[in-house]
N, C-alpha and C. Protein backbone atom coordinates (compact mmCIF):
# COMPACT_ATOMS: atom_id res chain seq x y z
N MET A 1 0.82 69.31 10.08
CA MET A 1 -0.31 69.99 9.52
C MET A 1 -0.47 69.43 8.09
N LEU A 2 -1.67 68.99 7.66
CA LEU A 2 -1.94 68.44 6.34
C LEU A 2 -3.07 69.40 5.70
N GLU A 3 -2.87 69.59 4.32
CA GLU A 3 -3.85 70.39 3.64
C GLU A 3 -5.11 69.31 3.45
N LYS A 4 -6.23 69.97 3.63
CA LYS A 4 -7.47 69.13 3.70
C LYS A 4 -7.69 68.51 2.25
N ARG A 5 -7.48 69.22 1.18
CA ARG A 5 -7.57 68.65 -0.24
C ARG A 5 -6.66 67.59 -0.42
N GLY A 6 -5.69 67.23 0.40
CA GLY A 6 -4.82 66.18 0.13
C GLY A 6 -5.23 64.93 0.82
N ILE A 7 -6.34 64.92 1.53
CA ILE A 7 -6.75 63.79 2.31
C ILE A 7 -8.30 63.40 1.78
N VAL A 8 -8.22 62.14 1.40
CA VAL A 8 -9.64 61.63 0.81
C VAL A 8 -10.26 60.73 1.91
N PHE A 9 -11.51 61.14 2.21
CA PHE A 9 -12.44 60.59 3.25
C PHE A 9 -13.49 59.78 2.57
N GLU A 10 -13.78 58.78 3.39
CA GLU A 10 -14.88 57.87 3.04
C GLU A 10 -15.56 57.50 4.30
N ASN A 11 -16.90 57.79 4.50
CA ASN A 11 -17.56 57.52 5.62
C ASN A 11 -16.85 58.13 6.81
N SER A 12 -16.47 59.24 6.72
CA SER A 12 -15.80 60.11 7.80
C SER A 12 -14.37 59.50 8.28
N LYS A 13 -13.88 58.62 7.45
CA LYS A 13 -12.59 57.96 7.73
C LYS A 13 -11.68 58.38 6.62
N ALA A 14 -10.33 58.73 6.96
CA ALA A 14 -9.39 58.92 5.98
C ALA A 14 -8.94 57.82 5.27
N ILE A 15 -9.03 57.62 4.11
CA ILE A 15 -8.50 56.33 3.46
C ILE A 15 -7.47 56.59 2.37
N GLU A 16 -7.21 57.74 2.05
CA GLU A 16 -5.99 57.99 1.19
C GLU A 16 -5.38 59.48 1.40
N LEU A 17 -4.04 59.48 1.31
CA LEU A 17 -3.38 60.76 1.54
C LEU A 17 -2.62 60.90 0.12
N LYS A 18 -2.93 62.16 -0.30
CA LYS A 18 -2.27 62.65 -1.66
C LYS A 18 -1.03 63.27 -1.31
N VAL A 19 0.19 62.87 -1.90
CA VAL A 19 1.33 63.54 -1.61
C VAL A 19 2.12 63.71 -3.05
N CYS A 20 2.69 64.90 -3.28
CA CYS A 20 3.39 64.99 -4.46
C CYS A 20 4.62 64.25 -4.44
N LEU A 21 5.29 64.12 -5.79
CA LEU A 21 6.41 63.31 -5.90
C LEU A 21 7.67 64.01 -5.06
N HIS A 22 7.77 65.22 -5.03
CA HIS A 22 8.94 65.87 -4.25
C HIS A 22 8.77 65.60 -2.91
N CYS A 23 7.54 65.64 -2.13
CA CYS A 23 7.27 65.33 -0.83
C CYS A 23 7.59 63.83 -0.52
N LYS A 24 7.02 62.95 -1.48
CA LYS A 24 7.14 61.60 -1.25
C LYS A 24 8.52 61.13 -1.19
N SER A 25 9.38 61.61 -2.07
CA SER A 25 10.81 61.30 -2.19
C SER A 25 11.49 61.66 -0.93
N SER A 26 11.05 62.90 -0.26
CA SER A 26 11.71 63.32 1.06
C SER A 26 11.31 62.37 1.97
N LEU A 27 9.97 62.13 2.14
CA LEU A 27 9.56 61.35 3.10
C LEU A 27 10.27 60.09 3.26
N THR A 28 10.32 59.42 2.14
CA THR A 28 10.90 58.01 2.00
C THR A 28 12.32 57.90 2.47
N LYS A 29 12.85 59.14 2.55
CA LYS A 29 14.34 59.32 2.96
C LYS A 29 14.33 59.75 4.42
N ASN A 30 13.18 59.93 5.17
CA ASN A 30 12.93 60.50 6.47
C ASN A 30 13.58 61.97 6.73
N LYS A 31 13.08 62.59 5.61
CA LYS A 31 13.48 64.06 5.56
C LYS A 31 12.18 64.79 5.39
N MET A 32 12.17 66.03 6.12
CA MET A 32 10.92 66.89 5.87
C MET A 32 11.19 67.35 4.54
N PRO A 33 9.98 67.56 3.83
CA PRO A 33 10.04 68.05 2.44
C PRO A 33 10.25 69.57 2.59
N SER A 34 10.94 70.13 1.64
CA SER A 34 11.25 71.57 1.78
C SER A 34 9.98 72.55 1.81
N LEU A 35 8.94 72.27 1.10
CA LEU A 35 7.84 73.04 0.96
C LEU A 35 6.62 72.47 1.71
N THR A 36 6.84 71.81 2.98
CA THR A 36 5.94 71.20 3.66
C THR A 36 5.35 72.45 4.45
N LEU A 37 4.13 72.31 4.91
CA LEU A 37 3.43 73.26 5.72
C LEU A 37 3.98 73.34 7.20
N ALA A 38 4.66 72.18 7.59
CA ALA A 38 5.19 72.18 9.02
C ALA A 38 6.65 72.90 9.05
N ASN A 39 7.14 73.35 7.96
CA ASN A 39 8.34 74.06 7.97
C ASN A 39 8.21 75.55 8.28
N GLY A 40 7.14 76.13 8.55
CA GLY A 40 6.75 77.43 9.03
C GLY A 40 6.61 78.43 7.80
N LEU A 41 6.52 77.97 6.47
CA LEU A 41 6.21 78.79 5.40
C LEU A 41 4.81 79.14 5.15
N PHE A 42 3.89 78.35 5.93
CA PHE A 42 2.39 78.67 5.65
C PHE A 42 1.98 79.60 6.75
N HIS A 43 1.38 80.70 6.18
CA HIS A 43 1.01 81.79 7.00
C HIS A 43 -0.62 81.89 6.95
N GLY A 44 -1.29 80.95 6.49
CA GLY A 44 -2.79 81.08 6.37
C GLY A 44 -3.26 81.37 5.01
N THR A 45 -4.52 81.42 4.86
CA THR A 45 -5.05 81.80 3.47
C THR A 45 -5.58 83.29 3.48
N LEU A 46 -5.68 83.72 2.27
CA LEU A 46 -6.11 85.03 2.18
C LEU A 46 -7.58 85.22 2.21
N PRO A 47 -8.08 86.21 2.68
CA PRO A 47 -9.64 86.44 2.75
C PRO A 47 -10.11 86.47 1.36
N ASP A 48 -11.35 86.03 1.13
CA ASP A 48 -12.00 86.10 -0.19
C ASP A 48 -11.79 87.26 -0.98
N GLN A 49 -11.88 88.59 -0.34
CA GLN A 49 -11.70 89.79 -1.13
C GLN A 49 -10.44 90.01 -1.80
N PHE A 50 -9.32 89.18 -1.40
CA PHE A 50 -8.15 89.34 -1.93
C PHE A 50 -7.58 88.05 -2.93
N ARG A 51 -8.56 87.20 -3.06
CA ARG A 51 -8.18 86.00 -3.78
C ARG A 51 -8.01 86.36 -5.32
N ASP A 52 -8.65 87.48 -5.80
CA ASP A 52 -8.52 87.84 -7.34
C ASP A 52 -7.61 89.00 -7.52
N LEU A 53 -6.60 89.09 -6.66
CA LEU A 53 -5.46 90.17 -6.71
C LEU A 53 -4.60 89.67 -8.03
N THR A 54 -4.43 90.72 -8.96
CA THR A 54 -3.69 90.32 -10.11
C THR A 54 -2.18 90.15 -9.72
N TRP A 55 -1.35 89.44 -10.50
CA TRP A 55 -0.06 89.32 -10.12
C TRP A 55 0.72 90.72 -9.91
N VAL A 56 0.36 91.74 -10.75
CA VAL A 56 1.03 92.99 -10.60
C VAL A 56 0.55 93.71 -9.31
N GLU A 57 -0.56 93.41 -8.83
CA GLU A 57 -1.10 94.08 -7.57
C GLU A 57 -0.31 93.29 -6.52
N GLU A 58 -0.09 92.03 -6.63
CA GLU A 58 0.73 91.24 -5.35
C GLU A 58 1.99 91.78 -5.48
N LYS A 59 2.65 92.11 -6.76
CA LYS A 59 4.13 92.50 -6.79
C LYS A 59 4.13 93.93 -6.25
N ILE A 60 3.23 94.87 -6.30
CA ILE A 60 3.26 96.12 -5.60
C ILE A 60 3.20 96.15 -4.14
N CYS A 61 2.70 94.94 -3.69
CA CYS A 61 2.44 94.80 -2.19
C CYS A 61 3.71 94.05 -1.42
N THR A 62 4.63 93.34 -2.27
CA THR A 62 5.64 92.62 -1.67
C THR A 62 6.76 93.40 -1.10
N ILE A 63 7.34 92.86 -0.04
CA ILE A 63 8.44 93.36 0.70
C ILE A 63 9.80 93.12 -0.10
N TYR A 64 9.92 91.78 -0.49
CA TYR A 64 11.14 91.36 -1.08
C TYR A 64 10.64 91.20 -2.72
N SER A 65 11.66 91.65 -3.48
CA SER A 65 11.40 91.38 -5.08
C SER A 65 12.51 90.39 -5.45
N ILE A 66 12.05 89.41 -5.98
CA ILE A 66 13.13 88.35 -6.20
C ILE A 66 12.80 87.70 -7.80
N THR A 67 12.02 88.39 -8.39
CA THR A 67 11.70 87.89 -9.84
C THR A 67 11.60 88.93 -10.79
N ALA A 68 11.99 88.68 -11.94
CA ALA A 68 11.70 89.65 -13.01
C ALA A 68 10.73 88.86 -14.00
N HIS A 69 9.94 89.61 -14.66
CA HIS A 69 8.86 88.98 -15.47
C HIS A 69 9.17 89.52 -16.86
N VAL A 70 8.93 88.43 -17.83
CA VAL A 70 9.20 88.77 -19.37
C VAL A 70 7.84 88.17 -19.82
N THR A 71 7.00 89.04 -20.54
CA THR A 71 5.81 88.71 -21.14
C THR A 71 5.97 88.66 -22.74
N CYS A 72 5.55 87.55 -23.40
CA CYS A 72 5.72 87.63 -24.84
C CYS A 72 4.16 87.56 -25.30
N LEU A 73 3.85 88.67 -25.97
CA LEU A 73 2.32 88.77 -26.44
C LEU A 73 2.41 88.75 -27.95
N PHE A 74 1.36 88.05 -28.58
CA PHE A 74 1.24 87.95 -29.85
C PHE A 74 -0.18 88.51 -30.34
N GLN A 75 -0.22 89.44 -31.31
CA GLN A 75 -1.58 89.95 -31.64
C GLN A 75 -2.13 88.93 -32.86
N LEU A 76 -3.38 88.60 -32.72
CA LEU A 76 -3.91 87.75 -33.81
C LEU A 76 -3.96 88.54 -35.13
N SER A 77 -3.74 87.78 -36.22
CA SER A 77 -3.64 88.41 -37.50
C SER A 77 -5.08 88.59 -38.16
N ASP A 78 -6.18 87.90 -37.46
CA ASP A 78 -7.52 87.99 -38.00
C ASP A 78 -7.92 89.40 -37.80
N LEU A 79 -8.22 90.04 -38.93
CA LEU A 79 -8.66 91.53 -39.00
C LEU A 79 -10.17 91.72 -38.31
N LEU A 80 -10.85 90.63 -38.01
CA LEU A 80 -12.10 90.82 -37.40
C LEU A 80 -11.88 90.88 -35.90
N GLN A 81 -10.79 90.33 -35.37
CA GLN A 81 -10.50 90.29 -34.06
C GLN A 81 -9.11 91.00 -33.79
N HIS A 82 -8.96 91.98 -34.28
CA HIS A 82 -7.63 92.73 -34.14
C HIS A 82 -7.06 93.21 -32.85
N LYS A 83 -7.90 93.08 -31.73
CA LYS A 83 -7.49 93.30 -30.46
C LYS A 83 -7.32 92.18 -29.51
N VAL A 84 -7.07 91.04 -30.00
CA VAL A 84 -7.00 89.73 -29.16
C VAL A 84 -5.55 89.44 -29.07
N PHE A 85 -5.09 89.34 -27.93
CA PHE A 85 -3.69 88.93 -27.63
C PHE A 85 -3.58 87.60 -27.06
N HIS A 86 -2.43 86.85 -27.27
CA HIS A 86 -2.19 85.68 -26.65
C HIS A 86 -0.81 85.42 -26.37
N GLY A 87 -0.44 84.81 -25.46
CA GLY A 87 1.13 84.72 -25.10
C GLY A 87 1.31 84.16 -23.87
N ASN A 88 2.47 84.29 -23.23
CA ASN A 88 2.83 83.88 -21.94
C ASN A 88 3.85 84.72 -21.19
N THR A 89 3.89 84.58 -19.81
CA THR A 89 4.69 85.32 -19.00
C THR A 89 5.61 84.36 -18.26
N CYS A 90 6.90 84.67 -18.21
CA CYS A 90 7.97 83.98 -17.41
C CYS A 90 8.33 84.78 -16.47
N ALA A 91 8.61 84.16 -15.16
CA ALA A 91 9.19 84.86 -14.05
C ALA A 91 10.55 84.13 -13.84
N HIS A 92 11.52 85.07 -13.84
CA HIS A 92 13.03 84.73 -13.72
C HIS A 92 13.38 84.91 -12.21
N ASP A 93 13.90 83.85 -11.52
CA ASP A 93 14.36 84.06 -10.22
C ASP A 93 15.56 84.82 -10.23
N MET A 94 15.91 85.84 -9.36
CA MET A 94 17.08 86.52 -9.05
C MET A 94 17.41 86.69 -7.66
N ASN A 95 18.65 87.09 -7.36
CA ASN A 95 18.96 87.37 -6.14
C ASN A 95 18.00 88.44 -5.46
N VAL A 96 17.81 88.61 -4.11
CA VAL A 96 16.88 89.65 -3.48
C VAL A 96 17.47 90.92 -4.01
N MET A 97 16.74 91.72 -4.90
CA MET A 97 17.24 92.81 -5.44
C MET A 97 16.99 93.96 -4.54
N SER A 98 15.88 93.92 -3.83
CA SER A 98 15.63 95.14 -2.92
C SER A 98 14.59 94.54 -1.89
N THR A 99 14.65 95.04 -0.65
CA THR A 99 13.94 94.98 0.35
C THR A 99 13.28 96.47 0.81
N VAL A 100 11.93 96.54 0.89
CA VAL A 100 11.53 97.83 1.03
C VAL A 100 11.26 98.12 2.44
N SER A 101 11.20 99.26 2.79
CA SER A 101 10.75 99.81 4.22
C SER A 101 9.50 100.59 4.08
N VAL A 102 9.15 100.94 2.72
CA VAL A 102 8.02 101.70 2.56
C VAL A 102 7.23 101.05 1.45
N LEU A 103 5.86 100.85 1.50
CA LEU A 103 5.05 100.25 0.44
C LEU A 103 3.91 101.24 0.21
N PRO A 104 3.33 101.17 -0.99
CA PRO A 104 3.62 100.16 -2.10
C PRO A 104 4.74 100.67 -2.90
N TRP A 105 5.14 99.71 -3.87
CA TRP A 105 6.09 99.99 -4.95
C TRP A 105 5.60 101.02 -5.80
N THR A 106 6.44 101.83 -6.32
CA THR A 106 5.97 102.79 -7.44
C THR A 106 5.79 102.08 -8.65
N PRO A 107 5.01 102.73 -9.60
CA PRO A 107 4.91 102.12 -10.95
C PRO A 107 6.38 102.07 -11.63
N ALA A 108 7.13 102.96 -11.46
CA ALA A 108 8.56 102.83 -11.99
C ALA A 108 9.26 101.74 -11.47
N ASP A 109 9.18 101.40 -10.05
CA ASP A 109 9.86 100.24 -9.59
C ASP A 109 9.38 98.98 -10.21
N ILE A 110 8.10 98.90 -10.32
CA ILE A 110 7.43 97.65 -10.87
C ILE A 110 7.89 97.52 -12.36
N ASN A 111 7.68 98.50 -13.18
CA ASN A 111 8.13 98.44 -14.49
C ASN A 111 9.59 98.09 -14.61
N GLY A 112 10.43 98.34 -13.67
CA GLY A 112 11.88 98.08 -13.80
C GLY A 112 12.01 96.39 -13.68
N PHE A 113 10.98 95.66 -13.14
CA PHE A 113 10.97 94.20 -13.22
C PHE A 113 10.45 93.62 -14.42
N LEU A 114 9.78 94.39 -15.31
CA LEU A 114 9.08 93.88 -16.49
C LEU A 114 9.82 94.20 -17.78
N SER A 115 9.25 93.28 -18.75
CA SER A 115 9.66 93.49 -20.08
C SER A 115 8.40 92.86 -20.82
N VAL A 116 7.98 93.50 -21.87
CA VAL A 116 6.99 92.91 -22.67
C VAL A 116 7.43 92.85 -24.07
N ILE A 117 7.64 91.71 -24.77
CA ILE A 117 7.78 91.37 -26.11
C ILE A 117 6.49 91.32 -26.77
N PHE A 118 6.29 92.33 -27.66
CA PHE A 118 4.95 92.39 -28.45
C PHE A 118 5.34 92.06 -29.96
N ILE A 119 4.55 91.08 -30.52
CA ILE A 119 4.69 90.74 -31.94
C ILE A 119 3.23 90.86 -32.52
N GLY A 120 3.09 91.74 -33.49
CA GLY A 120 1.82 92.00 -34.22
C GLY A 120 1.85 93.03 -35.21
N PRO A 121 0.80 93.12 -36.00
CA PRO A 121 0.81 93.97 -37.17
C PRO A 121 0.65 95.37 -36.86
N GLU A 122 0.16 95.81 -35.65
CA GLU A 122 -0.06 97.04 -35.33
C GLU A 122 0.81 97.49 -34.28
N LYS A 123 0.74 98.81 -33.75
CA LYS A 123 1.52 99.25 -32.72
C LYS A 123 0.94 98.73 -31.27
N PHE A 124 1.58 98.46 -30.33
CA PHE A 124 1.11 97.87 -29.07
C PHE A 124 0.13 98.92 -28.39
N ASP A 125 -1.15 98.62 -28.01
CA ASP A 125 -1.86 99.42 -27.26
C ASP A 125 -2.26 98.84 -25.91
N PRO A 126 -1.55 99.49 -24.85
CA PRO A 126 -1.78 98.84 -23.46
C PRO A 126 -3.28 98.89 -22.92
N ASN A 127 -4.06 99.74 -23.51
CA ASN A 127 -5.65 99.76 -23.16
C ASN A 127 -6.23 98.49 -23.66
N CYS A 128 -5.59 97.71 -24.46
CA CYS A 128 -6.37 96.56 -24.95
C CYS A 128 -5.85 95.36 -24.15
N MET A 129 -5.14 95.44 -23.20
CA MET A 129 -4.64 94.31 -22.56
C MET A 129 -5.49 93.60 -21.52
N GLY A 130 -6.72 94.19 -21.33
CA GLY A 130 -7.42 93.50 -20.29
C GLY A 130 -6.90 93.46 -18.91
N THR A 131 -6.92 92.51 -18.38
CA THR A 131 -6.43 92.58 -16.96
C THR A 131 -5.08 91.97 -16.71
N LEU A 132 -4.36 91.73 -17.62
CA LEU A 132 -2.96 91.08 -17.55
C LEU A 132 -2.19 91.98 -16.64
N PHE A 133 -2.09 93.30 -16.91
CA PHE A 133 -1.38 94.18 -16.17
C PHE A 133 -2.06 95.20 -15.46
N CYS A 134 -3.31 94.89 -15.06
CA CYS A 134 -4.27 95.71 -14.43
C CYS A 134 -4.07 95.86 -12.96
N VAL A 135 -4.20 97.14 -12.55
CA VAL A 135 -4.15 97.38 -10.99
C VAL A 135 -5.49 98.14 -10.55
N HIS A 136 -5.80 97.75 -9.32
CA HIS A 136 -6.87 98.59 -8.73
C HIS A 136 -6.36 99.17 -7.29
N LYS A 137 -6.41 100.52 -7.38
CA LYS A 137 -5.71 101.27 -6.45
C LYS A 137 -6.38 100.97 -4.87
N GLN A 138 -7.72 100.89 -4.85
CA GLN A 138 -8.26 100.61 -3.67
C GLN A 138 -8.00 99.16 -3.11
N LYS A 139 -8.08 98.33 -4.05
CA LYS A 139 -7.70 96.87 -3.71
C LYS A 139 -6.30 96.62 -3.10
N ILE A 140 -5.33 97.41 -3.62
CA ILE A 140 -3.90 97.39 -3.37
C ILE A 140 -3.89 98.08 -1.86
N TRP A 141 -4.46 99.14 -1.68
CA TRP A 141 -4.38 99.83 -0.30
C TRP A 141 -5.01 98.85 0.70
N SER A 142 -6.14 98.37 0.34
CA SER A 142 -6.91 97.50 1.51
C SER A 142 -6.08 96.19 1.66
N PHE A 143 -5.45 95.67 0.69
CA PHE A 143 -4.61 94.58 0.80
C PHE A 143 -3.32 94.84 1.76
N LEU A 144 -2.69 96.02 1.62
CA LEU A 144 -1.54 96.53 2.39
C LEU A 144 -2.08 96.59 3.92
N ILE A 145 -3.14 97.20 4.12
CA ILE A 145 -3.63 97.51 5.37
C ILE A 145 -3.93 95.97 6.14
N TRP A 146 -4.50 95.22 5.33
CA TRP A 146 -4.80 93.83 5.78
C TRP A 146 -3.41 93.17 6.20
N LEU A 147 -2.39 93.10 5.32
CA LEU A 147 -1.15 92.69 5.56
C LEU A 147 -0.47 93.17 6.82
N LYS A 148 -0.49 94.54 6.97
CA LYS A 148 -0.06 95.19 8.19
C LYS A 148 -0.62 94.82 9.43
N ASN A 149 -1.87 94.48 9.34
CA ASN A 149 -2.54 94.00 10.60
C ASN A 149 -2.46 92.53 10.78
N HIS A 150 -2.25 91.66 9.77
CA HIS A 150 -2.21 90.29 9.97
C HIS A 150 -0.94 89.51 9.63
N ASN A 151 0.06 90.13 9.28
CA ASN A 151 1.32 89.59 8.97
C ASN A 151 2.50 90.34 9.67
N CYS A 152 3.15 89.57 10.48
CA CYS A 152 4.24 90.23 11.25
C CYS A 152 5.34 90.81 10.52
N LEU A 153 5.52 90.25 9.32
CA LEU A 153 6.58 90.78 8.49
C LEU A 153 6.33 92.17 7.94
N TYR A 154 5.08 92.76 7.98
CA TYR A 154 4.64 93.90 7.58
C TYR A 154 4.52 95.00 8.74
N ALA A 155 4.65 94.35 9.95
CA ALA A 155 4.39 95.28 11.09
C ALA A 155 5.19 96.62 11.05
N ASN A 156 6.48 96.57 10.61
CA ASN A 156 7.25 97.82 10.61
C ASN A 156 7.32 98.42 9.30
N ILE A 157 6.59 98.12 8.40
CA ILE A 157 6.65 98.58 6.96
C ILE A 157 5.67 99.88 7.02
N GLU A 158 6.20 101.02 6.63
CA GLU A 158 5.47 102.24 6.39
C GLU A 158 4.59 102.07 5.08
N LEU A 159 3.39 102.56 5.23
CA LEU A 159 2.52 102.55 4.13
C LEU A 159 2.32 104.06 3.76
N ASP A 160 2.62 104.39 2.56
CA ASP A 160 2.75 105.83 2.07
C ASP A 160 1.57 105.81 0.92
N SER A 161 0.42 106.60 1.27
CA SER A 161 -0.63 106.66 0.46
C SER A 161 -0.21 107.61 -0.79
N SER A 162 0.82 108.51 -0.69
CA SER A 162 1.19 109.39 -1.73
C SER A 162 1.92 108.51 -2.82
N ILE A 163 2.55 107.43 -2.56
CA ILE A 163 2.96 106.45 -3.62
C ILE A 163 1.92 105.86 -4.39
N LEU A 164 0.83 105.49 -3.61
CA LEU A 164 -0.31 104.78 -4.26
C LEU A 164 -0.85 105.83 -5.20
N ASP A 165 -0.86 107.20 -4.93
CA ASP A 165 -1.39 108.12 -5.90
C ASP A 165 -0.67 108.04 -7.37
N GLN A 166 0.41 107.32 -7.50
CA GLN A 166 1.13 107.40 -8.70
C GLN A 166 0.54 106.22 -9.63
N HIS A 167 -0.39 105.45 -9.04
CA HIS A 167 -1.12 104.27 -9.77
C HIS A 167 -2.54 104.80 -10.26
N LEU A 168 -2.95 104.38 -11.27
CA LEU A 168 -4.25 104.60 -11.65
C LEU A 168 -5.27 104.07 -10.70
N VAL A 169 -6.64 104.71 -10.71
CA VAL A 169 -7.53 104.23 -9.90
C VAL A 169 -7.83 102.71 -10.19
N ASP A 170 -8.12 102.56 -11.53
CA ASP A 170 -8.48 101.11 -12.06
C ASP A 170 -7.93 101.17 -13.57
N GLY A 171 -6.95 100.43 -13.84
CA GLY A 171 -6.26 100.29 -15.19
C GLY A 171 -5.16 99.66 -15.35
N CYS A 172 -4.43 99.96 -16.47
CA CYS A 172 -3.24 99.45 -16.79
C CYS A 172 -2.16 100.08 -15.90
N LEU A 173 -1.03 99.31 -15.56
CA LEU A 173 0.08 99.86 -14.89
C LEU A 173 0.65 101.07 -15.62
N PRO A 174 0.79 102.09 -14.88
CA PRO A 174 1.30 103.40 -15.60
C PRO A 174 2.85 103.02 -15.97
N GLY A 175 3.04 103.62 -17.20
CA GLY A 175 4.39 103.41 -17.81
C GLY A 175 4.72 102.07 -18.42
N LEU A 176 3.76 101.23 -18.40
CA LEU A 176 3.89 99.94 -19.08
C LEU A 176 4.32 99.95 -20.57
N HIS A 177 3.76 100.95 -21.39
CA HIS A 177 4.07 101.13 -22.80
C HIS A 177 5.68 101.23 -22.99
N GLU A 178 6.27 101.96 -21.92
CA GLU A 178 7.58 102.09 -22.13
C GLU A 178 8.56 100.91 -21.83
N ARG A 179 8.02 99.66 -21.41
CA ARG A 179 8.52 98.42 -21.26
C ARG A 179 8.47 97.54 -22.50
N VAL A 180 7.76 97.89 -23.41
CA VAL A 180 7.34 96.97 -24.55
C VAL A 180 8.54 97.20 -25.57
N VAL A 181 8.86 95.88 -26.06
CA VAL A 181 9.84 95.80 -27.02
C VAL A 181 9.28 95.20 -28.20
C-alpha cells in the first residue's frame, strides 16, 4: 500500500516515487521500513469533522498514554500586545503509564501529563491561551463514539458521559492553571 501523495503522475503514468530517507535505507537493505503502511499500523484516515481535534482532545480520547507534555510559554513584553504568547511544546516518550478501560480521561488525569513553564511580566491567565489547551466537550464525545464504532481497539472500552461532565463545554482544560510553573 502506498500513500497517494508519495507518487508523482504524468499523463496518468507514475513517473516518480517519493520515499523518506528512513524508508529508503530499509528498502536498500531488503527490509520492511518500521513505519510503512504495510506493517498494519495504518487504520485509515479520520473523517473531516475530526481533523481539527486539538492535541488535548486527542489525549483525552486515547487508550494508551505514552507521552508527557512540557510547554514553555513566553509573554511578549510589548505593552500594547500584553496577551500574546509564544513558545513550544515538547512531548517526552515514557513507558506506557496507563491503559484505560473507561474513557474519556478526566481533566486531573490529563493534567498529570502536563507541565506549563510560563515566563512573563504578569501572572499566567489560562483564558488568554486561545486554542492551545482548548477542549470541546461535544467534539470529544462524538470522536469517542466514532472510535468505538470504527476502531476495534475501542470496542470493549466503556464510555462514561459523567466523566465528560468534568470538562468544560468549550474552553481551556480545567485545572490547567495548577500545572503552571
